[in-house]
Amino acid sequence: MAYIHGVAGEWARVKGTVVGLWPLFLGVFAAGFAAALFFVQPLTAASLFVASLLWVIWSLVQGLRRVERFFKGARGEERVSEILKTLPDAYHVFNDFVARGKHVDHVVVGPGGVFSVETKFWRGAVTVEEGRILLDGQLPDRSPLAQASREAAFVKAGLADAGWKGDVTPVLAFASDTFTARRANIKGTIVMNASELRESFASDRVVIPPAELERLVRLMENM
């Protein structure tokens, strides 16, 4: 089994909680301020309190939806991590790897090279048309191919800062296995279902010799 570093989905859960619920705390603060103002300006305080209460209710409903989106992504990262864990013991999997301040879902390091893995947990059918990823026939709000490529560039730059200069291959993995082509190379990014990960990575190809791999892993552990 591969060596696992870090906890999959941890950053997604933390970020989701903060992004989703911070407006709620703002409303609670405003309600507390209204209560303190009540004995000085009761009418103003009452209006502010009602407005704060409505804001709290709206923020809670909207915030929980945002939190669930992030938590769904975290579950996808956990599934991908469980699959990557089954790679041969020459491989190392860095979950929630931070490179130049950017959180990357997974970085896989082994004899076959270095791979930056962006995970998506999309429920609809994922297809390719004219070099673009579509979800149920529609373009997503953000290009996952651009995101995967950008994150690989961050990892490559971060490793270069740490003293290792080598290529990093961008990978886009669909944890829900809804990519109809199963596996494809699109504009330099390897796109595949999560179920294809082990077979794709566990090859006999040697790009990084054992001594160099050991040095690289030590560098990454200290980043």
C-alpha atoms as a PDB file:
ATOM      1  CA  MET A   1       0.000   0.000   0.000  1.00  0.00           C
ATOM      2  CA  ALA A   2       1.062   3.571  -0.661  1.00  0.00           C
ATOM      3  CA  TYR A   3       2.250   5.870   2.112  1.00  0.00           C
ATOM      4  CA  ILE A   4      -0.415   8.424   2.997  1.00  0.00           C
ATOM      5  CA  HIS A   5       0.433  11.960   4.139  1.00  0.00           C
ATOM      6  CA  GLY A   6      -2.258  14.316   5.377  1.00  0.00           C
ATOM      7  CA  VAL A   7      -6.025  13.968   5.722  1.00  0.00           C
ATOM      8  CA  ALA A   8      -8.196  13.974   2.612  1.00  0.00           C
ATOM      9  CA  GLY A   9     -11.047  16.507   2.610  1.00  0.00           C
ATOM     10  CA  GLU A  10      -9.901  18.320   5.752  1.00  0.00           C
ATOM     11  CA  TRP A  11      -9.353  21.708   4.100  1.00  0.00           C
ATOM     12  CA  ALA A  12     -12.618  21.451   2.140  1.00  0.00           C
ATOM     13  CA  ARG A  13     -14.575  20.959   5.361  1.00  0.00           C
ATOM     14  CA  VAL A  14     -12.834  23.822   7.171  1.00  0.00           C
ATOM     15  CA  LYS A  15     -13.220  26.192   4.230  1.00  0.00           C
ATOM     16  CA  GLY A  16     -16.836  25.164   3.680  1.00  0.00           C
ATOM     17  CA  THR A  17     -17.748  25.826   7.297  1.00  0.00           C
ATOM     18  CA  VAL A  18     -16.113  29.267   7.307  1.00  0.00           C
ATOM     19  CA  VAL A  19     -17.418  30.366   3.897  1.00  0.00           C
ATOM     20  CA  GLY A  20     -20.887  28.994   4.523  1.00  0.00           C
ATOM     21  CA  LEU A  21     -21.541  30.179   8.048  1.00  0.00           C
ATOM     22  CA  TRP A  22     -19.675  33.449   8.568  1.00  0.00           C
ATOM     23  CA  PRO A  23     -22.741  35.572   7.542  1.00  0.00           C
ATOM     24  CA  LEU A  24     -24.690  33.785  10.276  1.00  0.00           C
ATOM     25  CA  PHE A  25     -22.276  35.025  12.945  1.00  0.00           C
ATOM     26  CA  LEU A  26     -22.594  38.544  11.534  1.00  0.00           C
ATOM     27  CA  GLY A  27     -26.358  38.363  12.053  1.00  0.00           C
ATOM     28  CA  VAL A  28     -25.964  37.067  15.601  1.00  0.00           C
ATOM     29  CA  PHE A  29     -23.591  39.951  16.375  1.00  0.00           C
ATOM     30  CA  ALA A  30     -26.102  42.459  14.967  1.00  0.00           C
ATOM     31  CA  ALA A  31     -28.885  40.936  17.073  1.00  0.00           C
ATOM     32  CA  GLY A  32     -26.729  41.265  20.187  1.00  0.00           C
ATOM     33  CA  PHE A  33     -25.990  44.883  19.339  1.00  0.00           C
ATOM     34  CA  ALA A  34     -29.728  45.530  18.899  1.00  0.00           C
ATOM     35  CA  ALA A  35     -30.439  44.055  22.335  1.00  0.00           C
ATOM     36  CA  ALA A  36     -27.830  46.332  23.915  1.00  0.00           C
ATOM     37  CA  LEU A  37     -29.341  49.328  22.101  1.00  0.00           C
ATOM     38  CA  PHE A  38     -32.886  48.581  23.240  1.00  0.00           C
ATOM     39  CA  PHE A  39     -32.846  50.724  26.403  1.00  0.00           C
ATOM     40  CA  VAL A  40     -31.442  53.740  24.545  1.00  0.00           C
ATOM     41  CA  GLN A  41     -33.370  53.671  21.255  1.00  0.00           C
ATOM     42  CA  PRO A  42     -36.101  51.027  21.547  1.00  0.00           C
ATOM     43  CA  LEU A  43     -37.722  51.581  18.114  1.00  0.00           C
ATOM     44  CA  THR A  44     -34.410  51.506  16.266  1.00  0.00           C
ATOM     45  CA  ALA A  45     -33.306  48.507  18.309  1.00  0.00           C
ATOM     46  CA  ALA A  46     -36.540  46.611  17.576  1.00  0.00           C
ATOM     47  CA  SER A  47     -36.200  47.229  13.824  1.00  0.00           C
ATOM     48  CA  LEU A  48     -32.559  46.188  13.883  1.00  0.00           C
ATOM     49  CA  PHE A  49     -33.364  43.063  15.886  1.00  0.00           C
ATOM     50  CA  VAL A  50     -36.084  41.954  13.435  1.00  0.00           C
ATOM     51  CA  ALA A  51     -33.791  42.611  10.477  1.00  0.00           C
ATOM     52  CA  SER A  52     -31.006  40.676  12.202  1.00  0.00           C
ATOM     53  CA  LEU A  53     -33.324  37.748  12.893  1.00  0.00           C
ATOM     54  CA  LEU A  54     -34.400  37.581   9.256  1.00  0.00           C
ATOM     55  CA  TRP A  55     -30.762  37.771   8.203  1.00  0.00           C
ATOM     56  CA  VAL A  56     -29.857  34.919  10.560  1.00  0.00           C
ATOM     57  CA  ILE A  57     -32.611  32.705   9.142  1.00  0.00           C
ATOM     58  CA  TRP A  58     -31.633  33.483   5.527  1.00  0.00           C
ATOM     59  CA  SER A  59     -27.920  33.017   6.279  1.00  0.00           C
ATOM     60  CA  LEU A  60     -28.546  29.678   7.963  1.00  0.00           C
ATOM     61  CA  VAL A  61     -30.500  28.274   5.011  1.00  0.00           C
ATOM     62  CA  GLN A  62     -28.065  29.546   2.374  1.00  0.00           C
ATOM     63  CA  GLY A  63     -25.026  28.756   4.492  1.00  0.00           C
ATOM     64  CA  LEU A  64     -25.983  25.136   5.040  1.00  0.00           C
ATOM     65  CA  ARG A  65     -26.362  24.695   1.282  1.00  0.00           C
ATOM     66  CA  ARG A  66     -22.869  26.072   0.716  1.00  0.00           C
ATOM     67  CA  VAL A  67     -21.457  23.923   3.501  1.00  0.00           C
ATOM     68  CA  GLU A  68     -23.015  20.810   1.957  1.00  0.00           C
ATOM     69  CA  ARG A  69     -21.380  21.567  -1.401  1.00  0.00           C
ATOM     70  CA  PHE A  70     -17.968  21.732   0.233  1.00  0.00           C
ATOM     71  CA  PHE A  71     -18.650  18.626   2.317  1.00  0.00           C
ATOM     72  CA  LYS A  72     -19.690  16.735  -0.818  1.00  0.00           C
ATOM     73  CA  GLY A  73     -16.353  17.666  -2.347  1.00  0.00           C
ATOM     74  CA  ALA A  74     -14.614  16.419   0.801  1.00  0.00           C
ATOM     75  CA  ARG A  75     -16.369  13.054   0.472  1.00  0.00           C
ATOM     76  CA  GLY A  76     -15.110  12.829  -3.095  1.00  0.00           C
ATOM     77  CA  GLU A  77     -11.558  13.525  -1.933  1.00  0.00           C
ATOM     78  CA  GLU A  78     -11.877  10.801   0.691  1.00  0.00           C
ATOM     79  CA  ARG A  79     -12.975   8.265  -1.932  1.00  0.00           C
ATOM     80  CA  VAL A  80     -10.076   9.152  -4.222  1.00  0.00           C
ATOM     81  CA  SER A  81      -7.648   8.937  -1.303  1.00  0.00           C
ATOM     82  CA  GLU A  82      -8.905   5.451  -0.437  1.00  0.00           C
ATOM     83  CA  ILE A  83      -8.248   4.336  -4.015  1.00  0.00           C
ATOM     84  CA  LEU A  84      -4.808   5.952  -4.143  1.00  0.00           C
ATOM     85  CA  LYS A  85      -3.946   4.204  -0.892  1.00  0.00           C
ATOM     86  CA  THR A  86      -4.004   0.889  -2.774  1.00  0.00           C
ATOM     87  CA  LEU A  87      -1.069   1.912  -4.982  1.00  0.00           C
ATOM     88  CA  PRO A  88       2.207  -0.021  -4.507  1.00  0.00           C
ATOM     89  CA  ASP A  89       4.333   0.908  -1.508  1.00  0.00           C
ATOM     90  CA  ALA A  90       6.812   2.758  -3.727  1.00  0.00           C
ATOM     91  CA  TYR A  91       4.192   5.520  -4.008  1.00  0.00           C
ATOM     92  CA  HIS A  92       3.409   8.392  -1.646  1.00  0.00           C
ATOM     93  CA  VAL A  93       0.081  10.216  -1.584  1.00  0.00           C
ATOM     94  CA  PHE A  94       0.005  13.734  -0.149  1.00  0.00           C
ATOM     95  CA  ASN A  95      -3.591  14.720   0.654  1.00  0.00           C
ATOM     96  CA  ASP A  96      -4.461  18.416   0.867  1.00  0.00           C
ATOM     97  CA  PHE A  97      -0.953  19.388  -0.214  1.00  0.00           C
ATOM     98  CA  VAL A  98      -0.100  23.099   0.074  1.00  0.00           C
ATOM     99  CA  ALA A  99       2.063  24.570  -2.677  1.00  0.00           C
ATOM    100  CA  ARG A 100       2.692  28.306  -2.738  1.00  0.00           C
ATOM    101  CA  GLY A 101      -0.325  28.838  -0.511  1.00  0.00           C
ATOM    102  CA  LYS A 102      -2.654  26.824  -2.753  1.00  0.00           C
ATOM    103  CA  HIS A 103      -4.384  23.718  -1.382  1.00  0.00           C
ATOM    104  CA  VAL A 104      -4.239  20.829  -3.863  1.00  0.00           C
ATOM    105  CA  ASP A 105      -6.531  17.836  -3.290  1.00  0.00           C
ATOM    106  CA  HIS A 106      -3.835  15.178  -3.799  1.00  0.00           C
ATOM    107  CA  VAL A 107      -0.272  14.929  -5.040  1.00  0.00           C
ATOM    108  CA  VAL A 108       0.880  11.436  -6.012  1.00  0.00           C
ATOM    109  CA  VAL A 109       4.621  10.803  -6.058  1.00  0.00           C
ATOM    110  CA  GLY A 110       6.187   7.564  -7.221  1.00  0.00           C
ATOM    111  CA  PRO A 111       8.526   5.919  -9.721  1.00  0.00           C
ATOM    112  CA  GLY A 112       6.143   6.913 -12.505  1.00  0.00           C
ATOM    113  CA  GLY A 113       6.436  10.629 -11.750  1.00  0.00           C
ATOM    114  CA  VAL A 114       4.644  13.409  -9.883  1.00  0.00           C
ATOM    115  CA  PHE A 115       0.915  13.925 -10.393  1.00  0.00           C
ATOM    116  CA  SER A 116      -1.284  16.742  -9.140  1.00  0.00           C
ATOM    117  CA  VAL A 117      -4.831  15.412  -8.725  1.00  0.00           C
ATOM    118  CA  GLU A 118      -7.888  17.667  -8.709  1.00  0.00           C
ATOM    119  CA  THR A 119     -11.005  15.786  -7.570  1.00  0.00           C
ATOM    120  CA  LYS A 120     -14.564  16.511  -8.666  1.00  0.00           C
ATOM    121  CA  PHE A 121     -17.658  14.802  -7.253  1.00  0.00           C
ATOM    122  CA  TRP A 122     -20.125  15.600 -10.022  1.00  0.00           C
ATOM    123  CA  ARG A 123     -23.392  13.689 -10.225  1.00  0.00           C
ATOM    124  CA  GLY A 124     -24.307  14.267 -13.872  1.00  0.00           C
ATOM    125  CA  ALA A 125     -22.814  12.786 -17.044  1.00  0.00           C
ATOM    126  CA  VAL A 126     -19.361  14.208 -17.789  1.00  0.00           C
ATOM    127  CA  THR A 127     -18.436  14.376 -21.473  1.00  0.00           C
ATOM    128  CA  VAL A 128     -15.827  16.006 -23.713  1.00  0.00           C
ATOM    129  CA  GLU A 129     -16.670  18.268 -26.641  1.00  0.00           C
ATOM    130  CA  GLU A 130     -14.079  20.224 -28.624  1.00  0.00           C
ATOM    131  CA  GLY A 131     -11.534  19.838 -25.855  1.00  0.00           C
ATOM    132  CA  ARG A 132     -13.894  21.089 -23.134  1.00  0.00           C
ATOM    133  CA  ILE A 133     -15.442  19.262 -20.194  1.00  0.00           C
ATOM    134  CA  LEU A 134     -19.232  19.353 -20.091  1.00  0.00           C
ATOM    135  CA  LEU A 135     -21.608  18.385 -17.284  1.00  0.00           C
ATOM    136  CA  ASP A 136     -24.929  17.092 -18.575  1.00  0.00           C
ATOM    137  CA  GLY A 137     -24.152  18.821 -21.869  1.00  0.00           C
ATOM    138  CA  GLN A 138     -23.478  22.211 -20.273  1.00  0.00           C
ATOM    139  CA  LEU A 139     -20.268  24.106 -19.601  1.00  0.00           C
ATOM    140  CA  PRO A 140     -19.583  24.358 -15.837  1.00  0.00           C
ATOM    141  CA  ASP A 141     -19.115  27.763 -14.230  1.00  0.00           C
ATOM    142  CA  ARG A 142     -15.352  27.173 -13.983  1.00  0.00           C
ATOM    143  CA  SER A 143     -13.210  25.046 -16.257  1.00  0.00           C
ATOM    144  CA  PRO A 144     -11.961  22.016 -14.281  1.00  0.00           C
ATOM    145  CA  LEU A 145      -9.227  21.510 -16.884  1.00  0.00           C
ATOM    146  CA  ALA A 146      -7.874  25.002 -16.262  1.00  0.00           C
ATOM    147  CA  GLN A 147      -8.080  24.409 -12.509  1.00  0.00           C
ATOM    148  CA  ALA A 148      -6.172  21.114 -12.721  1.00  0.00           C
ATOM    149  CA  SER A 149      -3.505  22.667 -14.953  1.00  0.00           C
ATOM    150  CA  ARG A 150      -3.158  25.675 -12.663  1.00  0.00           C
ATOM    151  CA  GLU A 151      -2.745  23.501  -9.570  1.00  0.00           C
ATOM    152  CA  ALA A 152      -0.077  21.369 -11.270  1.00  0.00           C
ATOM    153  CA  ALA A 153       1.802  24.596 -12.032  1.00  0.00           C
ATOM    154  CA  PHE A 154       1.586  25.581  -8.359  1.00  0.00           C
ATOM    155  CA  VAL A 155       2.949  22.189  -7.290  1.00  0.00           C
ATOM    156  CA  LYS A 156       5.766  22.359  -9.831  1.00  0.00           C
ATOM    157  CA  ALA A 157       6.726  25.866  -8.692  1.00  0.00           C
ATOM    158  CA  GLY A 158       6.526  24.888  -5.023  1.00  0.00           C
ATOM    159  CA  LEU A 159       8.752  21.871  -5.551  1.00  0.00           C
ATOM    160  CA  ALA A 160      11.201  24.014  -7.500  1.00  0.00           C
ATOM    161  CA  ASP A 161      11.321  26.432  -4.555  1.00  0.00           C
ATOM    162  CA  ALA A 162      12.122  23.469  -2.293  1.00  0.00           C
ATOM    163  CA  GLY A 163      14.965  22.299  -4.547  1.00  0.00           C
ATOM    164  CA  TRP A 164      13.418  19.726  -6.914  1.00  0.00           C
ATOM    165  CA  LYS A 165      13.039  20.586 -10.571  1.00  0.00           C
ATOM    166  CA  GLY A 166      10.900  18.174 -12.530  1.00  0.00           C
ATOM    167  CA  ASP A 167       7.615  17.828 -14.349  1.00  0.00           C
ATOM    168  CA  VAL A 168       4.237  17.618 -12.625  1.00  0.00           C
ATOM    169  CA  THR A 169       1.379  16.037 -14.574  1.00  0.00           C
ATOM    170  CA  PRO A 170      -2.117  17.492 -14.009  1.00  0.00           C
ATOM    171  CA  VAL A 171      -4.856  14.938 -13.347  1.00  0.00           C
ATOM    172  CA  LEU A 172      -8.608  15.523 -13.149  1.00  0.00           C
ATOM    173  CA  ALA A 173     -10.376  12.679 -11.312  1.00  0.00           C
ATOM    174  CA  PHE A 174     -14.144  12.209 -11.079  1.00  0.00           C
ATOM    175  CA  ALA A 175     -14.927  10.534  -7.761  1.00  0.00           C
ATOM    176  CA  SER A 176     -18.456   9.680  -8.925  1.00  0.00           C
ATOM    177  CA  ASP A 177     -17.157   7.727 -11.971  1.00  0.00           C
ATOM    178  CA  THR A 178     -19.442   9.702 -14.298  1.00  0.00           C
ATOM    179  CA  PHE A 179     -16.857  10.474 -16.998  1.00  0.00           C
ATOM    180  CA  THR A 180     -18.265   8.667 -20.021  1.00  0.00           C
ATOM    181  CA  ALA A 181     -14.895   8.252 -21.758  1.00  0.00           C
ATOM    182  CA  ARG A 182     -13.443   6.730 -18.554  1.00  0.00           C
ATOM    183  CA  ARG A 183      -9.933   7.998 -19.369  1.00  0.00           C
ATOM    184  CA  ALA A 184      -8.600  10.643 -21.753  1.00  0.00           C
ATOM    185  CA  ASN A 185      -5.744  13.078 -22.258  1.00  0.00           C
ATOM    186  CA  ILE A 186      -7.173  16.527 -22.874  1.00  0.00           C
ATOM    187  CA  LYS A 187      -4.768  19.388 -23.543  1.00  0.00           C
ATOM    188  CA  GLY A 188      -2.058  17.783 -21.418  1.00  0.00           C
ATOM    189  CA  THR A 189      -4.364  16.937 -18.491  1.00  0.00           C
ATOM    190  CA  ILE A 190      -5.165  13.307 -17.739  1.00  0.00           C
ATOM    191  CA  VAL A 191      -8.918  13.032 -17.132  1.00  0.00           C
ATOM    192  CA  MET A 192     -10.317   9.847 -15.657  1.00  0.00           C
ATOM    193  CA  ASN A 193     -12.815   8.241 -13.350  1.00  0.00           C
ATOM    194  CA  ALA A 194     -11.610   7.469  -9.846  1.00  0.00           C
ATOM    195  CA  SER A 195     -11.940   3.764 -10.585  1.00  0.00           C
ATOM    196  CA  GLU A 196      -9.188   4.126 -13.220  1.00  0.00           C
ATOM    197  CA  LEU A 197      -6.648   5.745 -10.892  1.00  0.00           C
ATOM    198  CA  ARG A 198      -4.863   2.680  -9.574  1.00  0.00           C
ATOM    199  CA  GLU A 199      -4.365   1.038 -12.945  1.00  0.00           C
ATOM    200  CA  SER A 200      -3.213   4.327 -14.474  1.00  0.00           C
ATOM    201  CA  PHE A 201      -0.609   5.110 -11.820  1.00  0.00           C
ATOM    202  CA  ALA A 202       0.654   1.624 -10.958  1.00  0.00           C
ATOM    203  CA  SER A 203       2.732   1.095 -14.097  1.00  0.00           C
ATOM    204  CA  ASP A 204       6.241  -0.314 -14.538  1.00  0.00           C
ATOM    205  CA  ARG A 205       7.486   2.968 -15.978  1.00  0.00           C
ATOM    206  CA  VAL A 206      10.333   4.516 -13.949  1.00  0.00           C
ATOM    207  CA  VAL A 207      10.767   8.263 -14.278  1.00  0.00           C
ATOM    208  CA  ILE A 208      12.166   8.995 -10.821  1.00  0.00           C
ATOM    209  CA  PRO A 209      14.935   6.665  -9.523  1.00  0.00           C
ATOM    210  CA  PRO A 210      14.623   5.412  -5.907  1.00  0.00           C
ATOM    211  CA  ALA A 211      17.272   7.727  -4.421  1.00  0.00           C
ATOM    212  CA  GLU A 212      15.807  10.791  -6.115  1.00  0.00           C
ATOM    213  CA  LEU A 213      12.298   9.732  -5.065  1.00  0.00           C
ATOM    214  CA  GLU A 214      13.378   9.459  -1.443  1.00  0.00           C
ATOM    215  CA  ARG A 215      14.897  12.952  -1.579  1.00  0.00           C
ATOM    216  CA  LEU A 216      11.754  14.370  -3.158  1.00  0.00           C
ATOM    217  CA  VAL A 217       9.494  12.843  -0.501  1.00  0.00           C
ATOM    218  CA  ARG A 218      11.648  14.334   2.272  1.00  0.00           C
ATOM    219  CA  LEU A 219      11.410  17.748   0.646  1.00  0.00           C
ATOM    220  CA  MET A 220       7.635  17.494   0.386  1.00  0.00           C
ATOM    221  CA  GLU A 221       7.275  16.391   3.998  1.00  0.00           C
ATOM    222  CA  ASN A 222       9.015  19.611   5.058  1.00  0.00           C
ATOM    223  CA  MET A 223       7.067  21.988   2.806  1.00  0.00           C
END
